[in-house]
Amino acid sequence: MSKMNEIISKVVTDEEFRSEFLADPVKATESMNLTKEEIAELKSIDLSEITAINQELEDRISKSFVGAPIEAEAEAGHSSEHSSHSSDCGW
């Protein structure tokens, strides 16, 4: 994995690093021994895009945990509807 991919992955998954990165990307990545080219690439990243991506991921994760039990209950109710319908039809 390239250093840039590693950094972006860490930004997405590590809340503390993300805060540091959004405040100062160069300082947050000092320990990663980046080349001048990689530092220039970091400086060109649109931080608002990272914030938007992070918010979208949090929303999706939140919805998946909140909706999971409800969906399971709905499917269970749906299955029982099918079984009662099939017995009504004589199948």
Protein backbone atom coordinates (compact mmCIF):
# COMPACT_ATOMS: atom_id res chain seq x y z
CA MET A 1 0.00 0.00 0.00
CA SER A 2 1.38 3.41 -0.88
CA LYS A 3 2.00 5.92 1.88
CA MET A 4 -0.80 8.13 0.56
CA ASN A 5 -3.29 5.25 0.68
CA GLU A 6 -2.09 4.42 4.17
CA ILE A 7 -2.60 8.02 5.27
CA ILE A 8 -6.10 8.25 3.79
CA SER A 9 -7.06 4.91 5.37
CA LYS A 10 -5.83 6.14 8.72
CA VAL A 11 -7.72 9.43 8.30
CA VAL A 12 -10.92 7.49 7.69
CA THR A 13 -10.50 4.95 10.50
CA ASP A 14 -8.63 6.80 13.26
CA GLU A 15 -10.62 9.65 14.77
CA GLU A 16 -7.69 11.18 16.69
CA PHE A 17 -5.41 11.09 13.64
CA ARG A 18 -8.20 12.54 11.49
CA SER A 19 -8.53 15.53 13.84
CA GLU A 20 -4.78 16.09 13.75
CA PHE A 21 -4.67 15.65 9.98
CA LEU A 22 -7.53 18.08 9.36
CA ALA A 23 -5.81 20.67 11.56
CA ASP A 24 -2.38 20.27 9.93
CA PRO A 25 -1.75 17.43 7.44
CA VAL A 26 2.00 17.97 7.25
CA LYS A 27 2.48 18.01 11.01
CA ALA A 28 0.19 14.97 11.48
CA THR A 29 2.31 12.93 9.06
CA GLU A 30 5.80 14.06 10.19
CA SER A 31 6.66 10.64 11.61
CA MET A 32 5.88 8.91 8.29
CA ASN A 33 9.07 10.09 6.55
CA LEU A 34 7.27 11.39 3.48
CA THR A 35 9.13 12.56 0.40
CA LYS A 36 8.86 16.16 -0.82
CA GLU A 37 6.50 14.95 -3.55
CA GLU A 38 4.25 13.19 -1.03
CA ILE A 39 4.19 16.29 1.17
CA ALA A 40 3.23 18.38 -1.87
CA GLU A 41 0.46 15.88 -2.62
CA LEU A 42 -0.76 16.14 0.98
CA LYS A 43 -0.90 19.91 0.70
CA SER A 44 -3.03 19.61 -2.43
CA ILE A 45 -5.71 17.47 -0.75
CA ASP A 46 -9.06 19.22 -0.38
CA LEU A 47 -9.71 18.75 3.34
CA SER A 48 -13.41 19.50 2.90
CA GLU A 49 -13.68 16.34 0.76
CA ILE A 50 -12.20 14.26 3.58
CA THR A 51 -14.65 15.79 6.03
CA ALA A 52 -17.55 15.04 3.67
CA ILE A 53 -16.39 11.45 3.12
CA ASN A 54 -16.03 10.94 6.86
CA GLN A 55 -19.53 12.29 7.50
CA GLU A 56 -21.00 10.02 4.81
CA LEU A 57 -19.27 6.97 6.31
CA GLU A 58 -20.48 7.84 9.80
CA ASP A 59 -24.02 8.26 8.49
CA ARG A 60 -23.91 4.89 6.72
CA ILE A 61 -22.46 3.11 9.73
CA SER A 62 -25.02 4.71 12.01
CA LYS A 63 -27.89 3.69 9.73
CA SER A 64 -26.62 0.14 9.37
CA PHE A 65 -26.52 -0.39 13.14
CA VAL A 66 -29.80 1.36 13.84
CA GLY A 67 -31.67 -0.28 10.97
CA ALA A 68 -30.38 -3.81 11.40
CA PRO A 69 -32.76 -4.98 14.15
CA ILE A 70 -35.71 -3.25 12.54
CA GLU A 71 -35.03 -4.92 9.20
CA ALA A 72 -34.66 -8.31 10.88
CA GLU A 73 -38.00 -7.86 12.64
CA ALA A 74 -39.66 -6.77 9.40
CA GLU A 75 -38.27 -9.78 7.57
CA ALA A 76 -39.47 -12.09 10.35
CA GLY A 77 -42.95 -10.59 10.09
CA HIS A 78 -42.80 -10.86 6.31
CA SER A 79 -41.89 -14.55 6.50
CA SER A 80 -44.80 -15.32 8.82
CA GLU A 81 -47.14 -13.54 6.41
CA HIS A 82 -46.00 -15.85 3.63
CA SER A 83 -46.49 -18.94 5.73
CA SER A 84 -50.02 -17.89 6.74
CA HIS A 85 -50.88 -17.06 3.14
CA SER A 86 -49.63 -20.39 1.90
CA SER A 87 -51.76 -22.27 4.45
CA ASP A 88 -54.80 -20.22 3.43
CA CYS A 89 -54.29 -21.27 -0.19
CA GLY A 90 -54.06 -24.95 0.70
CA TRP A 91 -50.43 -25.29 -0.45
